[in-house]
Amino acid sequence: MKVPKAGALVAVVGLALTASGCGGDSGPKGNLEIGIKFDQPGVGLREQGGTFSGFDVDVSTYIAKELGYKPEQIEFKKVDSSDRELLLQYNEVKFVAASYSINEKRKEKVDFAGPYFLAHQDLLVRADDTTITRAEDLNNKKLCSVTGSTSAQNVKEKLAPKASVLELDGYSECVVALQDGLVDALTTDNSILAGYAAQKANAGKFKLVGLSLSNENYGIGVKKGNKDLQTKINAALRKMVQDGSWDAAVKKNFGPANYKNEPAPQITTGS
């Protein structure tokens, strides 16, 4: 038998190690594109300098870790309420975590993991406003929401049919419109409203009315039919609750606004 030279033996061993993944360091290759909101303080926000903060960011980062991705492989992409389904359908993102309420209409186009958070629709008004204490008070007043959101339609159809609705591209624009007196109230989930009210720049300017106009179960959107990813994300969400990371993320992102959150909801989608 011919014995290989030392150099050749080293090369063979090196190739074997490379093929075996070098001792288990073989995670997913490439980046993980995740769709989040860029303009929701406390939920999903792109900070000056390009960093990201918010509850959805922390949930997404935890899921990415459980899927085997390193922090430097995460690529956050901006999504608006009106284009979340399109980004999933065209594979622009792997999943969407963007205050994405689960409902039957959306489930026709995408699959959801979760829910992972329960919010309630509320109203944000100027701090000195004493005329709006219930949704019905919005009759003959101006209400702001964002394009693609169901919040304003919920109020107008069920509670204040005489309200006029202004739809803008983002909640930040609605907050400016409310501050400038162009609208009388902003409606969306209380988690999002609390994030805006808690910002240092908005201190003392706004208040939540304190209503529960709907139950908004936030889910993680995945491409329709991707049951494998849905199952893996559900497993990650359960683990996040069990190991205390979920509670820590809630306190970190909503605690400064004295926001009283609901307990982590039971996962009801997929398996």
Protein backbone atom coordinates (compact mmCIF):
# COMPACT_ATOMS: atom_id res chain seq x y z
CA MET A 1 0.00 0.00 0.00
CA LYS A 2 1.28 3.45 -0.91
CA VAL A 3 1.38 5.83 2.08
CA PRO A 4 0.44 9.44 1.22
CA LYS A 5 2.96 12.15 1.91
CA ALA A 6 2.44 14.36 4.98
CA GLY A 7 1.33 17.35 2.94
CA ALA A 8 -1.24 15.32 1.05
CA LEU A 9 -2.55 13.85 4.30
CA VAL A 10 -3.06 17.33 5.78
CA ALA A 11 -4.94 18.37 2.64
CA VAL A 12 -7.21 15.32 2.84
CA VAL A 13 -7.97 15.98 6.52
CA GLY A 14 -8.67 19.64 5.73
CA LEU A 15 -11.11 18.69 3.00
CA ALA A 16 -12.88 16.28 5.32
CA LEU A 17 -13.29 18.95 7.99
CA THR A 18 -14.60 21.41 5.44
CA ALA A 19 -17.13 18.91 4.13
CA SER A 20 -18.34 18.11 7.65
CA GLY A 21 -19.03 21.75 8.46
CA CYS A 22 -15.97 22.27 10.71
CA GLY A 23 -17.47 20.90 13.87
CA GLY A 24 -21.07 22.13 13.56
CA ASP A 25 -20.51 25.75 12.52
CA SER A 26 -22.86 25.34 9.56
CA GLY A 27 -25.80 27.68 9.96
CA PRO A 28 -27.99 28.99 7.15
CA LYS A 29 -26.08 30.81 4.43
CA GLY A 30 -26.84 34.34 3.30
CA ASN A 31 -29.05 36.93 4.97
CA LEU A 32 -32.47 36.57 6.54
CA GLU A 33 -34.75 39.33 5.24
CA ILE A 34 -37.42 40.33 7.78
CA GLY A 35 -40.17 42.87 7.19
CA ILE A 36 -40.83 45.32 10.03
CA LYS A 37 -42.24 48.79 10.46
CA PHE A 38 -39.65 51.56 10.54
CA ASP A 39 -41.82 54.27 12.14
CA GLN A 40 -43.48 52.72 15.20
CA PRO A 41 -41.71 53.63 18.46
CA GLY A 42 -41.74 50.74 20.92
CA VAL A 43 -42.84 48.31 18.18
CA GLY A 44 -40.59 48.71 15.13
CA LEU A 45 -38.39 51.77 14.69
CA ARG A 46 -35.34 52.60 12.61
CA GLU A 47 -33.21 54.80 14.83
CA GLN A 48 -30.87 57.51 13.64
CA GLY A 49 -27.66 55.78 12.66
CA GLY A 50 -29.42 52.76 11.22
CA THR A 51 -30.03 50.65 14.33
CA PHE A 52 -33.44 49.16 15.10
CA SER A 53 -35.55 49.00 18.25
CA GLY A 54 -38.96 47.81 19.35
CA PHE A 55 -40.86 44.74 20.47
CA ASP A 56 -41.25 43.35 16.93
CA VAL A 57 -37.50 43.79 16.43
CA ASP A 58 -36.74 41.81 19.59
CA VAL A 59 -39.21 39.07 18.64
CA SER A 60 -37.75 38.87 15.11
CA THR A 61 -34.20 38.70 16.43
CA TYR A 62 -35.14 35.87 18.79
CA ILE A 63 -36.84 33.93 15.98
CA ALA A 64 -33.82 34.45 13.71
CA LYS A 65 -31.52 33.03 16.41
CA GLU A 66 -33.76 29.96 16.77
CA LEU A 67 -33.68 29.49 13.00
CA GLY A 68 -29.88 29.40 13.17
CA TYR A 69 -29.04 32.89 11.92
CA LYS A 70 -26.42 35.14 13.46
CA PRO A 71 -27.24 38.81 14.24
CA GLU A 72 -25.10 40.03 11.34
CA GLN A 73 -27.18 37.92 8.93
CA ILE A 74 -30.42 39.72 9.78
CA GLU A 75 -31.56 42.28 7.22
CA PHE A 76 -34.56 44.35 8.26
CA LYS A 77 -36.68 45.69 5.41
CA LYS A 78 -39.29 48.41 5.68
CA VAL A 79 -42.89 47.37 5.18
CA ASP A 80 -46.04 49.48 5.09
CA SER A 81 -49.46 48.21 6.12
CA SER A 82 -50.53 48.12 2.48
CA ASP A 83 -47.66 45.98 1.11
CA ARG A 84 -47.02 43.27 3.70
CA GLU A 85 -48.71 40.55 1.66
CA LEU A 86 -46.92 41.55 -1.56
CA LEU A 87 -43.47 41.39 0.01
CA LEU A 88 -44.17 37.84 1.18
CA GLN A 89 -45.70 36.73 -2.11
CA TYR A 90 -42.70 37.97 -4.11
CA ASN A 91 -40.12 36.59 -1.64
CA GLU A 92 -38.77 40.04 -0.76
CA VAL A 93 -38.82 38.98 2.91
CA LYS A 94 -38.86 35.60 4.67
CA PHE A 95 -41.34 36.70 7.29
CA VAL A 96 -43.13 39.85 8.46
CA ALA A 97 -43.31 41.01 12.08
CA ALA A 98 -44.96 44.41 11.79
CA SER A 99 -47.92 44.83 14.21
CA TYR A 100 -49.59 42.45 11.75
CA SER A 101 -53.05 41.58 13.08
CA ILE A 102 -54.34 38.14 12.15
CA ASN A 103 -57.70 38.19 10.36
CA GLU A 104 -59.56 35.97 7.91
CA LYS A 105 -59.08 38.26 4.91
CA ARG A 106 -55.33 38.34 5.34
CA LYS A 107 -55.19 34.56 5.91
CA GLU A 108 -56.44 34.12 2.35
CA LYS A 109 -53.13 35.55 1.10
CA VAL A 110 -50.56 34.60 3.75
CA ASP A 111 -50.06 32.12 6.57
CA PHE A 112 -49.48 33.27 10.13
CA ALA A 113 -47.47 32.00 13.06
CA GLY A 114 -48.58 33.02 16.52
CA PRO A 115 -50.25 35.10 17.78
CA TYR A 116 -47.41 36.48 19.90
CA PHE A 117 -49.05 39.65 21.26
CA LEU A 118 -52.56 40.91 22.01
CA ALA A 119 -53.23 44.63 21.56
CA HIS A 120 -56.46 46.62 21.58
CA GLN A 121 -57.51 49.41 19.26
CA ASP A 122 -57.59 52.79 21.01
CA LEU A 123 -57.57 56.51 20.21
CA LEU A 124 -54.76 59.03 20.63
CA VAL A 125 -55.86 62.64 21.14
CA ARG A 126 -54.20 65.89 22.13
CA ALA A 127 -53.51 66.11 25.86
CA ASP A 128 -55.86 69.05 26.37
CA ASP A 129 -58.78 67.47 24.49
CA THR A 130 -61.82 66.89 26.71
CA THR A 131 -64.34 66.31 23.92
CA ILE A 132 -63.35 62.77 22.97
CA THR A 133 -63.89 60.14 25.64
CA ARG A 134 -65.46 57.42 23.49
CA ALA A 135 -65.40 56.45 19.83
CA GLU A 136 -68.88 57.87 19.18
CA ASP A 137 -67.50 61.33 19.94
CA LEU A 138 -65.66 61.18 16.61
CA ASN A 139 -68.88 61.88 14.67
CA ASN A 140 -68.32 65.10 12.69
CA LYS A 141 -64.63 65.02 13.63
CA LYS A 142 -61.51 64.07 11.68
CA LEU A 143 -59.82 60.75 12.29
CA CYS A 144 -56.39 59.74 11.01
CA SER A 145 -55.07 56.28 10.21
CA VAL A 146 -52.69 54.71 7.71
CA THR A 147 -53.39 53.29 4.28
CA GLY A 148 -54.08 49.57 4.49
CA SER A 149 -54.99 49.54 8.17
CA THR A 150 -58.41 48.33 9.30
CA SER A 151 -58.61 50.58 12.37
CA ALA A 152 -60.32 53.63 10.86
CA GLN A 153 -62.83 51.52 8.96
CA ASN A 154 -63.69 49.72 12.20
CA VAL A 155 -64.55 53.03 13.88
CA LYS A 156 -66.41 54.52 10.93
CA GLU A 157 -68.48 51.45 10.12
CA LYS A 158 -69.42 50.44 13.65
CA LEU A 159 -69.17 53.45 15.96
CA ALA A 160 -68.87 56.86 14.30
CA PRO A 161 -70.37 56.82 10.78
CA LYS A 162 -70.19 60.61 10.49
CA ALA A 163 -66.46 60.77 11.13
CA SER A 164 -64.24 61.82 8.26
CA VAL A 165 -61.12 59.71 7.71
CA LEU A 166 -57.71 60.91 6.57
CA GLU A 167 -55.41 58.08 5.46
CA LEU A 168 -51.68 58.82 5.39
CA ASP A 169 -48.66 56.70 4.55
CA GLY A 170 -47.42 56.26 8.12
CA TYR A 171 -48.33 56.80 11.76
CA SER A 172 -45.61 59.43 12.14
CA GLU A 173 -47.45 61.58 9.60
CA CYS A 174 -50.69 61.08 11.54
CA VAL A 175 -49.01 62.18 14.77
CA VAL A 176 -47.83 65.39 13.07
CA ALA A 177 -51.33 65.98 11.69
CA LEU A 178 -52.78 65.50 15.18
CA GLN A 179 -50.23 67.87 16.72
CA ASP A 180 -50.97 70.52 14.06
CA GLY A 181 -54.73 70.27 14.55
CA LEU A 182 -55.42 68.87 11.08
CA VAL A 183 -57.17 65.86 12.65
CA ASP A 184 -58.83 65.30 16.01
CA ALA A 185 -57.64 61.78 16.76
CA LEU A 186 -55.40 58.97 15.59
CA THR A 187 -56.57 55.39 15.85
CA THR A 188 -54.60 52.17 15.83
CA ASP A 189 -53.40 49.63 18.36
CA ASN A 190 -52.77 50.88 21.88
CA SER A 191 -49.24 49.45 21.81
CA ILE A 192 -48.33 51.69 18.88
CA LEU A 193 -50.06 54.74 20.34
CA ALA A 194 -48.31 54.23 23.67
CA GLY A 195 -44.98 54.18 21.87
CA TYR A 196 -45.63 57.56 20.28
CA ALA A 197 -46.98 59.13 23.47
CA ALA A 198 -43.88 57.95 25.36
CA GLN A 199 -41.37 59.54 22.98
CA LYS A 200 -39.38 62.34 24.60
CA ALA A 201 -40.31 64.75 21.80
CA ASN A 202 -44.01 64.11 22.48
CA ALA A 203 -43.93 64.34 26.27
CA GLY A 204 -47.13 65.97 27.53
CA LYS A 205 -48.60 66.48 24.06
CA PHE A 206 -50.88 63.46 23.71
CA LYS A 207 -52.92 60.98 25.70
CA LEU A 208 -54.62 57.65 25.09
CA VAL A 209 -58.38 57.68 25.56
CA GLY A 210 -58.17 54.20 27.10
CA LEU A 211 -60.59 52.22 24.93
CA SER A 212 -60.61 48.59 23.79
CA LEU A 213 -62.33 48.90 20.44
CA SER A 214 -61.04 45.59 19.12
CA ASN A 215 -58.75 42.68 19.88
CA GLU A 216 -55.64 42.72 17.69
CA ASN A 217 -53.73 39.44 17.74
CA TYR A 218 -50.30 40.11 16.24
CA GLY A 219 -48.98 37.27 14.08
CA ILE A 220 -45.82 36.56 12.13
CA GLY A 221 -46.70 36.53 8.41
CA VAL A 222 -45.07 33.92 6.17
CA LYS A 223 -45.60 33.05 2.53
CA LYS A 224 -48.78 31.07 1.89
CA GLY A 225 -48.06 27.35 2.09
CA ASN A 226 -44.75 27.58 3.97
CA LYS A 227 -45.87 25.28 6.78
CA ASP A 228 -42.32 24.32 7.72
CA LEU A 229 -41.33 27.91 8.52
CA GLN A 230 -44.65 28.51 10.27
CA THR A 231 -44.02 25.52 12.56
CA LYS A 232 -40.44 26.60 13.34
CA ILE A 233 -41.53 30.15 14.18
CA ASN A 234 -44.28 28.87 16.46
CA ALA A 235 -41.71 26.77 18.30
CA ALA A 236 -39.47 29.83 18.69
CA LEU A 237 -42.36 31.93 20.03
CA ARG A 238 -43.26 29.27 22.61
CA LYS A 239 -39.64 29.11 23.74
CA MET A 240 -39.43 32.90 23.97
CA VAL A 241 -42.38 32.94 26.38
CA GLN A 242 -41.11 29.99 28.41
CA ASP A 243 -37.58 31.30 28.99
CA GLY A 244 -38.73 34.79 30.04
CA SER A 245 -37.44 36.64 26.97
CA TRP A 246 -40.98 37.65 25.96
CA ASP A 247 -41.69 39.37 29.29
CA ALA A 248 -38.30 41.07 29.21
CA ALA A 249 -38.98 42.45 25.71
CA VAL A 250 -42.40 43.78 26.77
CA LYS A 251 -40.97 45.60 29.78
CA LYS A 252 -38.07 46.98 27.77
CA ASN A 253 -40.19 48.42 24.98
CA PHE A 254 -43.49 49.36 26.64
CA GLY A 255 -42.55 49.85 30.28
CA PRO A 256 -41.57 53.54 29.96
CA ALA A 257 -45.10 54.37 28.71
CA ASN A 258 -46.73 52.69 31.74
CA TYR A 259 -48.47 50.43 29.25
CA LYS A 260 -50.39 47.53 30.77
CA ASN A 261 -50.05 44.63 28.37
CA GLU A 262 -52.09 41.46 28.12
CA PRO A 263 -50.36 38.15 28.96
CA ALA A 264 -48.74 36.26 26.10
CA PRO A 265 -51.57 34.76 24.02
CA GLN A 266 -51.93 31.07 23.23
CA ILE A 267 -50.61 30.13 19.80
CA THR A 268 -53.54 29.09 17.63
CA THR A 269 -52.03 28.89 14.13
CA GLY A 270 -50.37 25.95 12.43
CA SER A 271 -48.71 23.48 14.75
